[in-house]
N, C-alpha and C. Protein backbone atom coordinates (compact mmCIF):
# COMPACT_ATOMS: atom_id res chain seq x y z
N UNK A 1 84.71 -18.55 -20.22
CA UNK A 1 84.38 -17.17 -20.61
C UNK A 1 83.90 -16.36 -19.41
N UNK A 2 82.93 -16.95 -18.66
CA UNK A 2 82.41 -16.27 -17.47
C UNK A 2 83.52 -16.04 -16.45
N UNK A 3 84.41 -17.02 -16.31
CA UNK A 3 85.52 -16.89 -15.36
C UNK A 3 86.43 -15.75 -15.75
N UNK A 4 86.69 -15.58 -17.04
CA UNK A 4 87.56 -14.50 -17.51
C UNK A 4 86.94 -13.14 -17.24
N UNK A 5 85.63 -13.04 -17.46
CA UNK A 5 84.95 -11.77 -17.21
C UNK A 5 85.01 -11.42 -15.73
N UNK A 6 84.79 -12.43 -14.87
CA UNK A 6 84.84 -12.21 -13.43
C UNK A 6 86.22 -11.73 -13.00
N UNK A 7 87.26 -12.36 -13.54
CA UNK A 7 88.63 -11.95 -13.20
C UNK A 7 88.89 -10.52 -13.65
N UNK A 8 88.37 -10.15 -14.81
CA UNK A 8 88.55 -8.78 -15.29
C UNK A 8 87.85 -7.78 -14.37
N UNK A 9 86.63 -8.10 -13.93
CA UNK A 9 85.90 -7.22 -13.04
C UNK A 9 86.61 -7.05 -11.71
N UNK A 10 87.12 -8.16 -11.17
CA UNK A 10 87.85 -8.09 -9.91
C UNK A 10 89.12 -7.27 -10.05
N UNK A 11 89.78 -7.40 -11.18
CA UNK A 11 91.01 -6.62 -11.41
C UNK A 11 90.70 -5.14 -11.48
N UNK A 12 89.61 -4.79 -12.16
CA UNK A 12 89.22 -3.37 -12.25
C UNK A 12 88.86 -2.82 -10.88
N UNK A 13 88.14 -3.63 -10.09
CA UNK A 13 87.77 -3.20 -8.74
C UNK A 13 89.02 -2.97 -7.90
N UNK A 14 89.97 -3.86 -7.98
CA UNK A 14 91.20 -3.73 -7.21
C UNK A 14 91.95 -2.47 -7.59
N UNK A 15 92.02 -2.18 -8.88
CA UNK A 15 92.70 -0.96 -9.33
C UNK A 15 91.97 0.28 -8.84
N UNK A 16 90.63 0.24 -8.87
CA UNK A 16 89.84 1.38 -8.40
C UNK A 16 90.07 1.65 -6.94
N UNK A 17 90.04 0.57 -6.12
CA UNK A 17 90.24 0.72 -4.69
C UNK A 17 91.63 1.24 -4.39
N UNK A 18 92.64 0.69 -5.10
CA UNK A 18 94.01 1.10 -4.84
C UNK A 18 94.23 2.56 -5.17
N UNK A 19 93.45 3.07 -6.14
CA UNK A 19 93.65 4.45 -6.57
C UNK A 19 93.03 5.46 -5.61
N UNK A 20 92.18 5.00 -4.71
CA UNK A 20 91.50 5.92 -3.81
C UNK A 20 92.48 6.52 -2.81
N UNK A 21 92.27 7.80 -2.53
CA UNK A 21 93.01 8.44 -1.45
C UNK A 21 91.99 9.01 -0.46
N UNK A 22 92.48 9.58 0.64
CA UNK A 22 91.57 10.03 1.69
C UNK A 22 90.63 11.13 1.22
N UNK A 23 91.06 11.95 0.31
CA UNK A 23 90.19 13.02 -0.17
C UNK A 23 88.92 12.44 -0.79
N UNK A 24 89.08 11.49 -1.71
CA UNK A 24 87.90 10.91 -2.36
C UNK A 24 87.09 10.06 -1.39
N UNK A 25 87.78 9.37 -0.47
CA UNK A 25 87.08 8.55 0.52
C UNK A 25 86.24 9.44 1.44
N UNK A 26 86.79 10.56 1.87
CA UNK A 26 86.07 11.46 2.76
C UNK A 26 84.84 12.05 2.09
N UNK A 27 84.99 12.51 0.87
CA UNK A 27 83.86 13.13 0.17
C UNK A 27 82.75 12.12 -0.10
N UNK A 28 83.11 10.87 -0.36
CA UNK A 28 82.10 9.86 -0.68
C UNK A 28 81.50 9.18 0.56
N UNK A 29 81.95 9.58 1.76
CA UNK A 29 81.44 8.97 2.98
C UNK A 29 79.93 9.19 3.11
N UNK A 30 79.16 8.13 3.37
CA UNK A 30 77.69 8.26 3.44
C UNK A 30 77.24 9.15 4.60
N UNK A 31 76.11 9.82 4.41
CA UNK A 31 75.53 10.66 5.46
C UNK A 31 75.19 9.86 6.70
N UNK A 32 74.87 8.58 6.53
CA UNK A 32 74.51 7.76 7.68
C UNK A 32 75.66 7.59 8.66
N UNK A 33 76.89 7.74 8.19
CA UNK A 33 78.05 7.59 9.07
C UNK A 33 78.39 8.91 9.74
N UNK A 34 78.22 10.00 9.04
CA UNK A 34 78.45 11.33 9.63
C UNK A 34 77.24 12.21 9.34
N UNK A 35 76.16 12.05 10.08
CA UNK A 35 74.93 12.80 9.80
C UNK A 35 75.07 14.30 9.93
N UNK A 36 76.07 14.79 10.67
CA UNK A 36 76.26 16.23 10.80
C UNK A 36 76.73 16.88 9.51
N UNK A 37 77.46 16.13 8.69
CA UNK A 37 78.10 16.71 7.51
C UNK A 37 77.38 16.31 6.23
N UNK A 38 76.99 17.30 5.45
CA UNK A 38 76.43 17.02 4.13
C UNK A 38 77.57 16.80 3.14
N UNK A 39 77.24 16.33 1.95
CA UNK A 39 78.27 16.15 0.93
C UNK A 39 78.89 17.50 0.58
N UNK A 40 78.08 18.55 0.54
CA UNK A 40 78.61 19.89 0.26
C UNK A 40 79.58 20.32 1.35
N UNK A 41 79.24 20.03 2.62
CA UNK A 41 80.16 20.31 3.73
C UNK A 41 81.52 19.68 3.47
N UNK A 42 81.50 18.41 3.10
CA UNK A 42 82.74 17.67 2.90
C UNK A 42 83.53 18.22 1.71
N UNK A 43 82.84 18.52 0.64
CA UNK A 43 83.51 19.11 -0.52
C UNK A 43 84.10 20.47 -0.17
N UNK A 44 83.36 21.26 0.60
CA UNK A 44 83.87 22.58 1.00
C UNK A 44 85.11 22.46 1.87
N UNK A 45 85.12 21.51 2.81
CA UNK A 45 86.29 21.32 3.67
C UNK A 45 87.53 21.05 2.83
N UNK A 46 87.40 20.17 1.85
CA UNK A 46 88.54 19.83 0.99
C UNK A 46 88.97 21.05 0.18
N UNK A 47 88.01 21.77 -0.39
CA UNK A 47 88.34 22.95 -1.19
C UNK A 47 89.03 24.02 -0.35
N UNK A 48 88.55 24.24 0.87
CA UNK A 48 89.17 25.24 1.75
C UNK A 48 90.62 24.88 2.05
N UNK A 49 90.86 23.63 2.38
CA UNK A 49 92.23 23.22 2.69
C UNK A 49 93.13 23.32 1.46
N UNK A 50 92.58 22.96 0.30
CA UNK A 50 93.36 23.08 -0.94
C UNK A 50 93.73 24.53 -1.23
N UNK A 51 92.90 25.46 -0.73
CA UNK A 51 93.15 26.89 -0.93
C UNK A 51 93.88 27.53 0.25
N UNK A 52 94.38 26.67 1.15
CA UNK A 52 95.10 27.15 2.35
C UNK A 52 94.23 28.05 3.22
N UNK A 53 92.93 27.72 3.28
CA UNK A 53 91.99 28.45 4.12
C UNK A 53 91.56 27.58 5.30
N UNK A 54 91.02 28.21 6.33
CA UNK A 54 90.47 27.47 7.45
C UNK A 54 89.26 26.67 6.97
N UNK A 55 89.27 25.35 7.19
CA UNK A 55 88.24 24.48 6.64
C UNK A 55 87.10 24.32 7.64
N UNK A 56 86.39 25.41 7.91
CA UNK A 56 85.28 25.40 8.85
C UNK A 56 83.97 25.55 8.08
N UNK A 57 82.98 24.72 8.43
CA UNK A 57 81.70 24.73 7.73
C UNK A 57 80.55 24.70 8.74
N UNK A 58 79.39 25.16 8.31
CA UNK A 58 78.17 25.05 9.11
C UNK A 58 77.55 23.69 8.84
N UNK A 59 77.27 22.95 9.90
CA UNK A 59 76.77 21.59 9.75
C UNK A 59 75.26 21.56 9.53
N UNK A 60 74.77 20.37 9.28
CA UNK A 60 73.35 20.18 8.96
C UNK A 60 72.43 20.67 10.07
N UNK A 61 72.89 20.61 11.33
CA UNK A 61 72.03 20.98 12.45
C UNK A 61 72.43 22.30 13.09
N UNK A 62 73.14 23.13 12.34
CA UNK A 62 73.40 24.49 12.79
C UNK A 62 74.68 24.73 13.54
N UNK A 63 75.43 23.68 13.83
CA UNK A 63 76.72 23.86 14.49
C UNK A 63 77.83 24.11 13.48
N UNK A 64 79.06 24.04 13.94
CA UNK A 64 80.20 24.19 13.04
C UNK A 64 81.13 22.99 13.20
N UNK A 65 81.79 22.64 12.12
CA UNK A 65 82.79 21.58 12.12
C UNK A 65 84.00 22.10 11.36
N UNK A 66 85.16 21.56 11.70
CA UNK A 66 86.39 22.00 11.03
C UNK A 66 87.28 20.80 10.72
N UNK A 67 87.69 20.73 9.46
CA UNK A 67 88.67 19.73 9.09
C UNK A 67 90.05 20.28 9.45
N UNK A 68 90.72 19.59 10.37
CA UNK A 68 92.02 20.05 10.85
C UNK A 68 93.18 19.58 9.99
N UNK A 69 93.08 18.33 9.53
CA UNK A 69 94.19 17.72 8.78
C UNK A 69 93.62 16.86 7.66
N UNK A 70 94.25 16.91 6.50
CA UNK A 70 93.92 16.02 5.40
C UNK A 70 95.20 15.69 4.65
N UNK A 71 95.54 14.40 4.62
CA UNK A 71 96.69 13.94 3.84
C UNK A 71 96.20 12.88 2.87
N UNK A 72 97.11 12.24 2.19
CA UNK A 72 96.71 11.20 1.23
C UNK A 72 95.99 10.04 1.90
N UNK A 73 96.33 9.77 3.17
CA UNK A 73 95.72 8.60 3.82
C UNK A 73 95.12 8.89 5.19
N UNK A 74 95.03 10.18 5.59
CA UNK A 74 94.58 10.50 6.95
C UNK A 74 93.73 11.76 6.94
N UNK A 75 92.72 11.77 7.83
CA UNK A 75 91.89 12.96 8.00
C UNK A 75 91.51 13.12 9.46
N UNK A 76 91.46 14.36 9.92
CA UNK A 76 91.01 14.69 11.27
C UNK A 76 89.99 15.82 11.17
N UNK A 77 88.79 15.58 11.70
CA UNK A 77 87.72 16.56 11.66
C UNK A 77 87.21 16.80 13.07
N UNK A 78 87.16 18.06 13.48
CA UNK A 78 86.52 18.42 14.75
C UNK A 78 85.05 18.61 14.44
N UNK A 79 84.23 17.62 14.78
CA UNK A 79 82.83 17.65 14.36
C UNK A 79 81.96 18.54 15.23
N UNK A 80 82.29 18.63 16.51
CA UNK A 80 81.65 19.57 17.45
C UNK A 80 82.73 20.01 18.42
N UNK A 81 82.45 20.99 19.30
CA UNK A 81 83.47 21.38 20.27
C UNK A 81 83.94 20.24 21.17
N UNK A 82 83.13 19.19 21.33
CA UNK A 82 83.50 18.11 22.24
C UNK A 82 83.63 16.75 21.55
N UNK A 83 83.64 16.73 20.23
CA UNK A 83 83.78 15.44 19.54
C UNK A 83 84.62 15.59 18.28
N UNK A 84 85.27 14.50 17.90
CA UNK A 84 86.13 14.52 16.73
C UNK A 84 86.03 13.21 15.97
N UNK A 85 86.48 13.25 14.74
CA UNK A 85 86.47 12.09 13.86
C UNK A 85 87.84 11.98 13.19
N UNK A 86 88.45 10.82 13.31
CA UNK A 86 89.71 10.53 12.62
C UNK A 86 89.49 9.36 11.67
N UNK A 87 90.17 9.42 10.53
CA UNK A 87 90.12 8.31 9.59
C UNK A 87 91.51 8.09 9.00
N UNK A 88 91.81 6.84 8.74
CA UNK A 88 93.06 6.52 8.07
C UNK A 88 92.86 5.30 7.18
N UNK A 89 93.51 5.33 6.02
CA UNK A 89 93.48 4.20 5.11
C UNK A 89 94.63 3.26 5.42
N UNK A 90 94.31 1.97 5.53
CA UNK A 90 95.34 0.96 5.80
C UNK A 90 95.26 -0.14 4.75
N UNK A 91 96.41 -0.58 4.26
CA UNK A 91 96.40 -1.65 3.25
C UNK A 91 96.17 -3.02 3.88
N UNK A 92 95.28 -3.78 3.26
CA UNK A 92 95.08 -5.17 3.66
C UNK A 92 95.99 -6.08 2.82
N UNK A 93 96.12 -5.72 1.56
CA UNK A 93 97.08 -6.38 0.67
C UNK A 93 97.52 -5.36 -0.38
N UNK A 94 98.10 -5.82 -1.47
CA UNK A 94 98.65 -4.90 -2.46
C UNK A 94 97.59 -4.07 -3.17
N UNK A 95 96.34 -4.53 -3.16
CA UNK A 95 95.31 -3.83 -3.94
C UNK A 95 94.12 -3.34 -3.13
N UNK A 96 93.97 -3.79 -1.90
CA UNK A 96 92.78 -3.46 -1.11
C UNK A 96 93.17 -2.69 0.15
N UNK A 97 92.40 -1.62 0.42
CA UNK A 97 92.58 -0.83 1.63
C UNK A 97 91.29 -0.81 2.43
N UNK A 98 91.42 -0.60 3.73
CA UNK A 98 90.25 -0.42 4.58
C UNK A 98 90.35 0.93 5.27
N UNK A 99 89.19 1.45 5.68
CA UNK A 99 89.14 2.69 6.44
C UNK A 99 89.02 2.36 7.91
N UNK A 100 89.95 2.86 8.69
CA UNK A 100 89.83 2.79 10.15
C UNK A 100 89.29 4.13 10.62
N UNK A 101 88.16 4.10 11.32
CA UNK A 101 87.53 5.33 11.78
C UNK A 101 87.48 5.36 13.31
N UNK A 102 87.94 6.47 13.87
CA UNK A 102 87.91 6.65 15.32
C UNK A 102 87.02 7.86 15.63
N UNK A 103 85.93 7.61 16.33
CA UNK A 103 85.06 8.69 16.79
C UNK A 103 85.28 8.88 18.29
N UNK A 104 85.58 10.12 18.68
CA UNK A 104 85.87 10.41 20.09
C UNK A 104 84.93 11.49 20.59
N UNK A 105 84.34 11.23 21.76
CA UNK A 105 83.47 12.21 22.42
C UNK A 105 84.05 12.50 23.80
N UNK A 106 84.03 13.77 24.18
CA UNK A 106 84.63 14.18 25.46
C UNK A 106 83.60 14.92 26.31
N UNK A 107 83.53 14.53 27.56
CA UNK A 107 82.77 15.28 28.57
C UNK A 107 83.76 15.56 29.69
N UNK A 108 83.56 14.98 30.87
CA UNK A 108 84.60 15.09 31.89
C UNK A 108 85.79 14.22 31.51
N UNK A 109 85.57 13.21 30.68
CA UNK A 109 86.64 12.37 30.16
C UNK A 109 86.30 12.00 28.72
N UNK A 110 87.33 11.65 27.95
CA UNK A 110 87.14 11.29 26.54
C UNK A 110 87.01 9.77 26.39
N UNK A 111 86.20 9.37 25.43
CA UNK A 111 86.03 7.96 25.13
C UNK A 111 85.89 7.81 23.62
N UNK A 112 86.47 6.74 23.08
CA UNK A 112 86.49 6.55 21.63
C UNK A 112 85.82 5.25 21.22
N UNK A 113 85.30 5.26 20.00
CA UNK A 113 84.76 4.06 19.37
C UNK A 113 85.43 3.89 18.01
N UNK A 114 85.81 2.66 17.70
CA UNK A 114 86.57 2.38 16.48
C UNK A 114 85.75 1.47 15.57
N UNK A 115 85.71 1.84 14.29
CA UNK A 115 85.00 1.05 13.29
C UNK A 115 85.89 0.90 12.05
N UNK A 116 85.63 -0.15 11.28
CA UNK A 116 86.35 -0.37 10.03
C UNK A 116 85.33 -0.50 8.90
N UNK A 117 85.69 0.06 7.74
CA UNK A 117 84.82 0.04 6.58
C UNK A 117 85.61 -0.29 5.32
N UNK A 118 84.92 -0.86 4.35
CA UNK A 118 85.51 -0.97 3.02
C UNK A 118 85.76 0.44 2.50
N UNK A 119 86.81 0.62 1.72
CA UNK A 119 87.18 1.97 1.30
C UNK A 119 86.17 2.60 0.36
N UNK A 120 85.27 1.80 -0.21
CA UNK A 120 84.19 2.38 -1.03
C UNK A 120 82.90 2.51 -0.22
N UNK A 121 82.98 2.27 1.09
CA UNK A 121 81.86 2.38 2.02
C UNK A 121 80.74 1.38 1.73
N UNK A 122 81.05 0.33 0.99
CA UNK A 122 80.00 -0.63 0.64
C UNK A 122 79.54 -1.45 1.84
N UNK A 123 80.39 -1.58 2.86
CA UNK A 123 79.97 -2.32 4.05
C UNK A 123 80.88 -2.00 5.23
N UNK A 124 80.31 -2.16 6.42
CA UNK A 124 81.10 -2.08 7.64
C UNK A 124 81.72 -3.44 7.89
N UNK A 125 82.98 -3.43 8.29
CA UNK A 125 83.73 -4.66 8.49
C UNK A 125 83.80 -5.00 9.98
N UNK A 126 84.07 -6.24 10.28
CA UNK A 126 84.18 -6.68 11.67
C UNK A 126 85.44 -6.11 12.31
N UNK A 127 85.26 -5.32 13.38
CA UNK A 127 86.41 -4.74 14.07
C UNK A 127 87.37 -5.83 14.54
N UNK A 128 86.82 -6.95 14.99
CA UNK A 128 87.64 -8.03 15.54
C UNK A 128 88.60 -8.62 14.51
N UNK A 129 88.31 -8.42 13.22
CA UNK A 129 89.20 -8.95 12.19
C UNK A 129 90.48 -8.11 12.05
N UNK A 130 90.45 -6.90 12.60
CA UNK A 130 91.60 -6.00 12.41
C UNK A 130 92.21 -5.50 13.73
N UNK A 131 91.50 -5.70 14.83
CA UNK A 131 91.95 -5.08 16.08
C UNK A 131 91.45 -5.86 17.29
N UNK A 132 92.35 -6.11 18.22
CA UNK A 132 91.99 -6.61 19.53
C UNK A 132 92.07 -5.44 20.50
N UNK A 133 90.93 -4.92 20.92
CA UNK A 133 90.92 -3.76 21.80
C UNK A 133 91.58 -4.08 23.13
N UNK A 134 92.41 -3.16 23.65
CA UNK A 134 92.99 -3.39 24.98
C UNK A 134 91.90 -3.30 26.04
N UNK A 135 91.98 -4.16 27.03
CA UNK A 135 91.02 -4.12 28.13
C UNK A 135 91.39 -3.02 29.11
N UNK A 136 90.44 -2.59 29.92
CA UNK A 136 90.75 -1.60 30.95
C UNK A 136 91.82 -2.10 31.90
N UNK A 137 91.80 -3.41 32.19
CA UNK A 137 92.78 -3.98 33.11
C UNK A 137 94.20 -3.83 32.60
N UNK A 138 94.38 -3.77 31.28
CA UNK A 138 95.73 -3.73 30.73
C UNK A 138 96.45 -2.41 30.99
N UNK A 139 95.72 -1.41 31.49
CA UNK A 139 96.35 -0.11 31.79
C UNK A 139 96.82 -0.03 33.25
N UNK A 140 96.50 -1.04 34.04
CA UNK A 140 96.86 -1.02 35.45
C UNK A 140 98.15 -1.79 35.69
N UNK A 141 98.89 -1.37 36.72
CA UNK A 141 100.02 -2.14 37.21
C UNK A 141 99.48 -3.44 37.83
N UNK A 142 100.34 -4.43 38.04
CA UNK A 142 99.85 -5.68 38.63
C UNK A 142 99.06 -5.45 39.91
N UNK A 143 98.04 -6.27 40.13
CA UNK A 143 97.15 -6.10 41.28
C UNK A 143 97.87 -6.10 42.62
N UNK A 144 98.98 -6.86 42.69
CA UNK A 144 99.65 -6.94 43.99
C UNK A 144 100.34 -5.64 44.37
N UNK A 145 100.38 -4.67 43.44
CA UNK A 145 100.98 -3.37 43.76
C UNK A 145 99.94 -2.39 44.29
N UNK A 146 98.66 -2.77 44.25
CA UNK A 146 97.60 -1.86 44.68
C UNK A 146 97.43 -1.90 46.20
N UNK A 147 97.36 -0.73 46.80
CA UNK A 147 97.06 -0.64 48.22
C UNK A 147 95.57 -0.87 48.45
N UNK A 148 95.19 -1.12 49.69
CA UNK A 148 93.76 -1.29 50.00
C UNK A 148 92.98 -0.04 49.62
N UNK A 149 93.59 1.11 49.87
CA UNK A 149 92.93 2.38 49.55
C UNK A 149 92.72 2.50 48.05
N UNK A 150 93.75 2.11 47.28
CA UNK A 150 93.63 2.19 45.82
C UNK A 150 92.59 1.22 45.29
N UNK A 151 92.48 0.07 45.91
CA UNK A 151 91.47 -0.90 45.50
C UNK A 151 90.07 -0.35 45.69
N UNK A 152 89.85 0.39 46.77
CA UNK A 152 88.56 1.01 47.02
C UNK A 152 88.26 2.05 45.94
N UNK A 153 89.28 2.86 45.62
CA UNK A 153 89.09 3.88 44.58
C UNK A 153 88.85 3.23 43.23
N UNK A 154 89.55 2.15 42.97
CA UNK A 154 89.39 1.47 41.68
C UNK A 154 87.96 0.98 41.51
N UNK A 155 87.32 0.58 42.57
CA UNK A 155 85.94 0.14 42.49
C UNK A 155 85.00 1.27 42.09
N UNK A 156 85.41 2.50 42.38
CA UNK A 156 84.60 3.65 41.98
C UNK A 156 84.72 3.90 40.47
N UNK A 157 85.83 3.46 39.90
CA UNK A 157 86.00 3.58 38.45
C UNK A 157 85.22 2.44 37.79
N UNK A 158 83.90 2.57 37.80
CA UNK A 158 83.03 1.46 37.43
C UNK A 158 82.82 1.30 35.93
N UNK A 159 83.47 2.12 35.13
CA UNK A 159 83.43 1.93 33.68
C UNK A 159 84.79 2.31 33.12
N UNK A 160 85.20 1.58 32.09
CA UNK A 160 86.50 1.84 31.47
C UNK A 160 86.32 2.78 30.28
N UNK A 161 86.95 3.95 30.36
CA UNK A 161 86.93 4.91 29.27
C UNK A 161 88.33 4.94 28.65
N UNK A 162 88.38 4.81 27.34
CA UNK A 162 89.66 4.75 26.64
C UNK A 162 89.61 5.67 25.43
N UNK A 163 90.60 6.56 25.34
CA UNK A 163 90.71 7.44 24.18
C UNK A 163 91.70 6.85 23.19
N UNK A 164 91.26 6.74 21.95
CA UNK A 164 92.12 6.21 20.89
C UNK A 164 92.46 7.32 19.90
N UNK A 165 93.64 7.25 19.33
CA UNK A 165 94.03 8.24 18.32
C UNK A 165 94.92 7.60 17.27
N UNK A 166 94.64 7.93 16.02
CA UNK A 166 95.45 7.48 14.90
C UNK A 166 96.59 8.46 14.67
N UNK A 167 97.68 7.98 14.13
CA UNK A 167 98.80 8.84 13.80
C UNK A 167 98.74 9.24 12.33
N UNK A 168 98.95 10.50 12.05
CA UNK A 168 99.01 10.92 10.65
C UNK A 168 100.37 10.60 10.04
N UNK A 169 101.39 10.38 10.89
CA UNK A 169 102.74 10.14 10.39
C UNK A 169 103.04 8.68 10.10
N UNK A 170 102.49 7.77 10.91
CA UNK A 170 102.82 6.37 10.72
C UNK A 170 101.58 5.50 10.93
N UNK A 171 101.77 4.20 10.87
CA UNK A 171 100.64 3.26 10.92
C UNK A 171 100.39 2.77 12.34
N UNK A 172 100.22 3.70 13.27
CA UNK A 172 100.03 3.32 14.66
C UNK A 172 98.68 3.82 15.20
N UNK A 173 98.23 3.15 16.25
CA UNK A 173 96.99 3.49 16.94
C UNK A 173 97.30 3.50 18.43
N UNK A 174 97.06 4.64 19.08
CA UNK A 174 97.44 4.82 20.48
C UNK A 174 96.21 4.85 21.37
N UNK A 175 96.30 4.17 22.51
CA UNK A 175 95.21 4.12 23.47
C UNK A 175 95.66 4.73 24.80
N UNK A 176 94.83 5.63 25.33
CA UNK A 176 95.08 6.26 26.62
C UNK A 176 93.89 6.01 27.53
N UNK A 177 94.17 5.57 28.75
CA UNK A 177 93.12 5.28 29.72
C UNK A 177 92.66 6.59 30.36
N UNK A 178 91.38 6.91 30.22
CA UNK A 178 90.87 8.21 30.69
C UNK A 178 89.86 8.09 31.83
N UNK A 179 89.62 6.89 32.32
CA UNK A 179 88.63 6.71 33.38
C UNK A 179 88.94 7.59 34.58
N UNK A 180 90.22 7.72 34.92
CA UNK A 180 90.59 8.52 36.10
C UNK A 180 90.15 9.97 35.98
N UNK A 181 89.96 10.47 34.76
CA UNK A 181 89.63 11.88 34.56
C UNK A 181 88.22 12.22 35.02
N UNK A 182 87.34 11.21 35.13
CA UNK A 182 85.98 11.54 35.57
C UNK A 182 85.82 11.37 37.09
N UNK A 183 86.87 10.88 37.76
CA UNK A 183 86.84 10.80 39.22
C UNK A 183 87.10 12.17 39.82
N UNK A 184 86.71 12.36 41.09
CA UNK A 184 87.05 13.62 41.74
C UNK A 184 88.56 13.68 41.97
N UNK A 185 89.06 14.86 42.26
CA UNK A 185 90.51 15.07 42.34
C UNK A 185 91.17 14.16 43.36
N UNK A 186 90.55 14.00 44.52
CA UNK A 186 91.15 13.18 45.58
C UNK A 186 91.28 11.72 45.14
N UNK A 187 90.21 11.17 44.57
CA UNK A 187 90.26 9.78 44.13
C UNK A 187 91.21 9.60 42.95
N UNK A 188 91.24 10.58 42.06
CA UNK A 188 92.13 10.50 40.91
C UNK A 188 93.59 10.43 41.36
N UNK A 189 93.96 11.25 42.32
CA UNK A 189 95.34 11.27 42.80
C UNK A 189 95.72 9.96 43.49
N UNK A 190 94.75 9.30 44.09
CA UNK A 190 95.02 8.01 44.73
C UNK A 190 95.20 6.91 43.70
N UNK A 191 94.48 7.03 42.58
CA UNK A 191 94.50 5.97 41.58
C UNK A 191 95.66 6.09 40.60
N UNK A 192 96.06 7.29 40.25
CA UNK A 192 97.06 7.48 39.19
C UNK A 192 98.36 6.74 39.43
N UNK A 193 98.89 6.67 40.65
CA UNK A 193 100.16 5.94 40.83
C UNK A 193 100.08 4.46 40.49
N UNK A 194 98.87 3.93 40.36
CA UNK A 194 98.71 2.51 40.10
C UNK A 194 98.38 2.22 38.63
N UNK A 195 98.41 3.27 37.82
CA UNK A 195 98.22 3.11 36.38
C UNK A 195 99.57 3.11 35.68
N UNK A 196 99.69 2.37 34.61
CA UNK A 196 100.91 2.40 33.81
C UNK A 196 101.09 3.80 33.22
N UNK A 197 102.32 4.25 33.17
CA UNK A 197 102.60 5.60 32.72
C UNK A 197 102.54 5.74 31.20
N UNK A 198 102.85 4.67 30.49
CA UNK A 198 102.91 4.74 29.03
C UNK A 198 101.58 4.31 28.40
N UNK A 199 101.17 4.96 27.33
CA UNK A 199 99.97 4.51 26.61
C UNK A 199 100.24 3.18 25.92
N UNK A 200 99.18 2.54 25.49
CA UNK A 200 99.31 1.32 24.69
C UNK A 200 99.32 1.71 23.22
N UNK A 201 100.33 1.26 22.50
CA UNK A 201 100.47 1.60 21.08
C UNK A 201 100.48 0.32 20.25
N UNK A 202 99.56 0.23 19.30
CA UNK A 202 99.52 -0.89 18.36
C UNK A 202 99.93 -0.40 16.98
N UNK A 203 100.53 -1.28 16.20
CA UNK A 203 100.99 -0.91 14.86
C UNK A 203 100.39 -1.84 13.81
N UNK A 204 100.07 -1.25 12.67
CA UNK A 204 99.45 -2.01 11.58
C UNK A 204 100.52 -2.84 10.88
N UNK A 205 100.32 -4.16 10.89
CA UNK A 205 101.26 -5.07 10.24
C UNK A 205 100.48 -6.21 9.61
N UNK A 206 100.75 -6.44 8.33
CA UNK A 206 100.14 -7.58 7.63
C UNK A 206 98.61 -7.57 7.75
N UNK A 207 98.01 -6.42 7.56
CA UNK A 207 96.56 -6.35 7.47
C UNK A 207 95.80 -6.24 8.75
N UNK A 208 96.49 -5.98 9.90
CA UNK A 208 95.77 -5.78 11.15
C UNK A 208 96.68 -5.08 12.16
N UNK A 209 96.08 -4.56 13.23
CA UNK A 209 96.86 -3.95 14.30
C UNK A 209 97.41 -5.03 15.23
N UNK A 210 98.69 -4.89 15.57
CA UNK A 210 99.35 -5.88 16.42
C UNK A 210 100.12 -5.15 17.51
């Protein structure tokens, strides 16, 4: 009897999760994850877009934020003039989805942080279970192609900055190496020829990015 009840509860939960779309996920997002946006802010953004209006709102701390895109499984919000938030729903199996969230902040160069959550926001999930982040080294051409001058400049790039972006059209995640953007012009020009020209693109397959 207890086993039957448990199976029924799990089935109902699976149906509930499967029925969620980005609109409901965005509105139910906890304040702890996006402290700038109140629930009213989020509801207003959705209402404005539904009415074909500019979805710009005044945030909790007096700034402005704008929802740029909202689809069934994707959202893009410009949270401040120099930061943005992207979210996309990805299926883990036939009944369960997870939220992939990309927060990007830009100064002289942009850098992103990626997190995964249950679609009902009940818990944050381990990023390593869904994504192997590319290393800074993976954006460089083989070391034997670097000149002595480039090696010196590379040492000045003492931190790896990587901008990530989700696609609203497909199940891909793109990484662009931005460390060179915070170097001065002369050093940047010396380093760029030794970076790979193409971004790194991962695609969601069988419940994780590959």
